[in-house]
Amino acid sequence: MRSHHEYLLGAGLAALLLGPGPSARAERTGEEDLPPSPVAQQQRVAPSAATLTREVQDALDGDHALRGQSISANVSSSGRATLNGAVTTQAQKDHATDVASLVKGVSSVDNKLAVSSAGGAHPTATAKQAARETGQVISDDWITTKVKAQLVTTGSGIHVSTTNHVVTLSGTAASAADREKAVSIAKTTDGVTSVVDEIHVGPK
């Protein structure tokens, strides 16, 4: 029969051969092998192209130095942002690149903005020339995106659709002033040939 001393000696040798258990390793390293939390998993999910496009457009529209400029952004699924439209100065064009590149998720910026040669004239007046210079085609989708971006300032529940460069506005405006502003925005957006006003005034 094994003595108590022999039993302890055998247990000690087994511990040395097997090494510390999980609990001991955790105490030594100060951490445990835990699965990533749901929050960490969500943080690794890349934003969609539509989300990035909206964030870049919001950043451009909200930038003080670019206020009043005609800029449309589109971001691909790979994170490449393309800027179309026109600005007044080269400095504004360069600044637009900086603004877009700072949006998280944007990997590169293709700046196709044209610099207006009409002095201080509003860039919308030269947007057609800009389209020729940059090779941009003013499509129905481009018009819809641009009108929607500008309608954000009205805070109204107005819907926008474009067919053959004819913009249809529907939904609800909080006031007659918001309705008139929405129609004016659509009419002055480059590429729009006419506007169909189906907006109702009243609570959302």
Protein backbone atom coordinates (compact mmCIF):
# COMPACT_ATOMS: atom_id res chain seq x y z
CA MET A 1 0.00 0.00 0.00
CA ARG A 2 1.38 3.44 -1.00
CA SER A 3 2.41 5.76 1.80
CA HIS A 4 1.01 9.28 2.11
CA HIS A 5 4.43 10.65 1.16
CA GLU A 6 4.53 8.62 -2.07
CA TYR A 7 1.01 9.78 -2.98
CA LEU A 8 1.94 13.46 -2.59
CA LEU A 9 5.13 12.96 -4.61
CA GLY A 10 3.17 11.35 -7.46
CA ALA A 11 0.58 14.14 -7.47
CA GLY A 12 3.33 16.75 -7.63
CA LEU A 13 5.00 15.11 -10.61
CA ALA A 14 1.67 14.90 -12.42
CA ALA A 15 1.04 18.63 -11.87
CA LEU A 16 4.48 19.49 -13.27
CA LEU A 17 3.91 17.35 -16.37
CA LEU A 18 0.39 18.60 -17.09
CA GLY A 19 1.09 22.25 -16.38
CA PRO A 20 -1.33 24.79 -14.83
CA GLY A 21 -5.05 24.39 -15.51
CA PRO A 22 -7.29 26.97 -17.23
CA SER A 23 -8.06 28.77 -13.98
CA ALA A 24 -4.38 29.10 -13.11
CA ARG A 25 -3.55 30.33 -16.61
CA ALA A 26 -6.32 32.89 -16.40
CA GLU A 27 -5.04 34.14 -13.05
CA ARG A 28 -1.50 34.38 -14.43
CA THR A 29 -2.45 36.27 -17.59
CA GLY A 30 -5.24 38.30 -16.04
CA GLU A 31 -7.66 37.30 -18.78
CA GLU A 32 -9.79 34.40 -19.92
CA ASP A 33 -10.49 32.97 -23.36
CA LEU A 34 -13.92 34.52 -23.77
CA PRO A 35 -15.87 34.75 -27.05
CA PRO A 36 -16.14 38.27 -28.55
CA SER A 37 -19.08 40.25 -27.23
CA PRO A 38 -22.02 41.07 -29.54
CA VAL A 39 -20.98 44.74 -29.42
CA ALA A 40 -17.46 43.90 -30.63
CA GLN A 41 -18.89 41.75 -33.42
CA GLN A 42 -21.19 44.60 -34.54
CA GLN A 43 -18.28 47.05 -34.56
CA ARG A 44 -16.47 44.86 -37.08
CA VAL A 45 -19.42 44.96 -39.52
CA ALA A 46 -18.62 47.47 -42.27
CA PRO A 47 -21.31 50.09 -43.02
CA SER A 48 -23.26 49.66 -46.24
CA ALA A 49 -22.63 51.72 -49.36
CA ALA A 50 -25.96 53.51 -48.86
CA THR A 51 -25.04 54.41 -45.28
CA LEU A 52 -21.62 55.69 -46.30
CA THR A 53 -23.12 57.71 -49.17
CA ARG A 54 -25.55 59.36 -46.77
CA GLU A 55 -22.81 60.10 -44.21
CA VAL A 56 -20.48 61.61 -46.81
CA GLN A 57 -23.30 63.69 -48.32
CA ASP A 58 -24.29 64.93 -44.84
CA ALA A 59 -20.67 65.84 -44.07
CA LEU A 60 -20.34 67.81 -47.31
CA ASP A 61 -23.70 69.56 -46.94
CA GLY A 62 -22.96 70.46 -43.32
CA ASP A 63 -19.48 71.87 -43.93
CA HIS A 64 -19.41 75.66 -43.62
CA ALA A 65 -16.73 76.12 -46.30
CA LEU A 66 -18.81 74.17 -48.83
CA ARG A 67 -22.15 75.80 -48.09
CA GLY A 68 -24.10 76.61 -51.26
CA GLN A 69 -21.94 74.39 -53.47
CA SER A 70 -23.42 71.79 -55.83
CA ILE A 71 -21.82 68.52 -54.71
CA SER A 72 -23.22 65.00 -55.00
CA ALA A 73 -21.53 62.05 -53.31
CA ASN A 74 -21.72 58.35 -54.07
CA VAL A 75 -19.82 55.63 -52.20
CA SER A 76 -19.24 52.13 -53.55
CA SER A 77 -19.33 48.95 -51.50
CA SER A 78 -15.52 49.03 -51.40
CA GLY A 79 -15.58 52.43 -49.68
CA ARG A 80 -14.53 54.50 -52.72
CA ALA A 81 -16.29 57.89 -52.63
CA THR A 82 -16.96 59.69 -55.91
CA LEU A 83 -17.74 63.42 -55.83
CA ASN A 84 -19.61 65.02 -58.73
CA GLY A 85 -20.83 68.55 -59.36
CA ALA A 86 -19.16 71.94 -59.24
CA VAL A 87 -17.58 74.33 -56.74
CA THR A 88 -16.43 77.92 -56.97
CA THR A 89 -12.72 77.55 -56.14
CA GLN A 90 -9.93 74.99 -56.28
CA ALA A 91 -9.58 75.33 -52.50
CA GLN A 92 -13.17 74.18 -52.10
CA LYS A 93 -12.54 71.21 -54.36
CA ASP A 94 -9.51 70.18 -52.30
CA HIS A 95 -11.45 70.73 -49.08
CA ALA A 96 -14.28 68.50 -50.31
CA THR A 97 -11.77 65.67 -50.74
CA ASP A 98 -10.59 66.17 -47.16
CA VAL A 99 -14.15 66.21 -45.79
CA ALA A 100 -15.12 63.01 -47.60
CA SER A 101 -11.93 61.17 -46.68
CA LEU A 102 -12.50 61.85 -42.97
CA VAL A 103 -15.77 59.89 -42.95
CA LYS A 104 -15.14 56.55 -41.26
CA GLY A 105 -15.36 53.72 -43.78
CA VAL A 106 -14.22 55.75 -46.81
CA SER A 107 -11.12 54.15 -48.29
CA SER A 108 -10.43 56.61 -51.13
CA VAL A 109 -11.93 59.66 -52.84
CA ASP A 110 -12.39 60.20 -56.59
CA ASN A 111 -12.94 63.95 -56.84
CA LYS A 112 -14.61 64.81 -60.16
CA LEU A 113 -15.77 68.26 -59.06
CA ALA A 114 -15.36 71.01 -61.64
CA VAL A 115 -14.15 74.44 -60.58
CA SER A 116 -16.44 77.18 -61.89
CA SER A 117 -14.77 79.73 -64.16
CA ALA A 118 -17.63 82.18 -63.71
CA GLY A 119 -16.09 84.10 -60.85
CA GLY A 120 -18.43 84.18 -57.88
CA ALA A 121 -21.41 82.76 -59.74
CA HIS A 122 -23.38 80.03 -58.00
CA PRO A 123 -22.06 76.64 -59.10
CA THR A 124 -25.53 75.43 -60.03
CA ALA A 125 -25.47 77.85 -62.95
CA THR A 126 -22.47 76.03 -64.40
CA ALA A 127 -23.43 72.49 -63.44
CA LYS A 128 -24.07 71.45 -67.03
CA GLN A 129 -20.61 72.65 -67.99
CA ALA A 130 -19.28 70.72 -64.98
CA ALA A 131 -21.00 67.59 -66.21
CA ARG A 132 -19.30 67.93 -69.58
CA GLU A 133 -15.90 68.54 -68.00
CA THR A 134 -16.10 65.61 -65.58
CA GLY A 135 -17.93 63.21 -67.87
CA GLN A 136 -20.74 63.03 -65.33
CA VAL A 137 -24.20 62.03 -66.53
CA ILE A 138 -26.97 63.75 -64.61
CA SER A 139 -29.25 60.79 -64.06
CA ASP A 140 -32.63 60.48 -62.35
CA ASP A 141 -30.91 58.85 -59.37
CA TRP A 142 -28.45 61.72 -59.11
CA ILE A 143 -31.30 64.26 -59.13
CA THR A 144 -33.27 62.32 -56.50
CA THR A 145 -30.24 62.06 -54.22
CA LYS A 146 -29.45 65.77 -54.56
CA VAL A 147 -33.02 66.91 -53.91
CA LYS A 148 -33.36 64.63 -50.88
CA ALA A 149 -30.10 65.90 -49.41
CA GLN A 150 -31.32 69.49 -49.66
CA LEU A 151 -34.79 68.68 -48.29
CA VAL A 152 -33.25 67.51 -45.02
CA THR A 153 -33.14 71.16 -43.95
CA THR A 154 -36.94 71.45 -44.12
CA GLY A 155 -37.49 68.65 -41.62
CA SER A 156 -40.61 67.58 -43.50
CA GLY A 157 -41.80 64.13 -44.48
CA ILE A 158 -41.52 64.76 -48.20
CA HIS A 159 -40.84 61.91 -50.63
CA VAL A 160 -38.90 62.41 -53.86
CA SER A 161 -38.96 60.42 -57.09
CA THR A 162 -37.55 61.27 -60.50
CA THR A 163 -38.52 59.98 -63.94
CA ASN A 164 -36.92 61.36 -67.10
CA HIS A 165 -35.69 64.38 -65.11
CA VAL A 166 -39.24 65.17 -63.89
CA VAL A 167 -39.30 65.34 -60.09
CA THR A 168 -42.41 64.33 -58.18
CA LEU A 169 -42.75 65.54 -54.59
CA SER A 170 -45.26 63.80 -52.34
CA GLY A 171 -45.90 63.29 -48.65
CA THR A 172 -46.56 65.89 -45.97
CA ALA A 173 -45.03 69.28 -45.24
CA ALA A 174 -45.37 70.90 -41.82
CA SER A 175 -46.33 74.27 -43.34
CA ALA A 176 -47.08 76.00 -46.61
CA ALA A 177 -43.66 77.66 -46.35
CA ASP A 178 -41.95 74.25 -46.18
CA ARG A 179 -43.97 73.11 -49.18
CA GLU A 180 -42.90 76.13 -51.22
CA LYS A 181 -39.29 75.69 -50.15
CA ALA A 182 -39.32 72.02 -51.22
CA VAL A 183 -40.72 72.89 -54.64
CA SER A 184 -38.15 75.67 -55.04
CA ILE A 185 -35.29 73.32 -54.12
CA ALA A 186 -36.44 70.76 -56.66
CA LYS A 187 -36.89 73.34 -59.43
CA THR A 188 -33.41 74.81 -58.94
CA THR A 189 -31.63 71.43 -58.84
CA ASP A 190 -29.61 70.96 -62.00
CA GLY A 191 -31.04 68.55 -64.53
CA VAL A 192 -34.66 68.98 -63.42
CA THR A 193 -36.99 69.82 -66.30
CA SER A 194 -40.18 70.13 -64.25
CA VAL A 195 -41.65 69.46 -60.81
CA VAL A 196 -44.92 67.71 -59.94
CA ASP A 197 -46.19 68.99 -56.58
CA GLU A 198 -48.28 66.42 -54.70
CA ILE A 199 -47.35 67.65 -51.22
CA HIS A 200 -50.02 67.97 -48.53
CA VAL A 201 -49.69 70.49 -45.70
CA GLY A 202 -50.48 69.17 -42.25
CA PRO A 203 -49.14 67.04 -39.38
CA LYS A 204 -46.94 64.08 -40.27
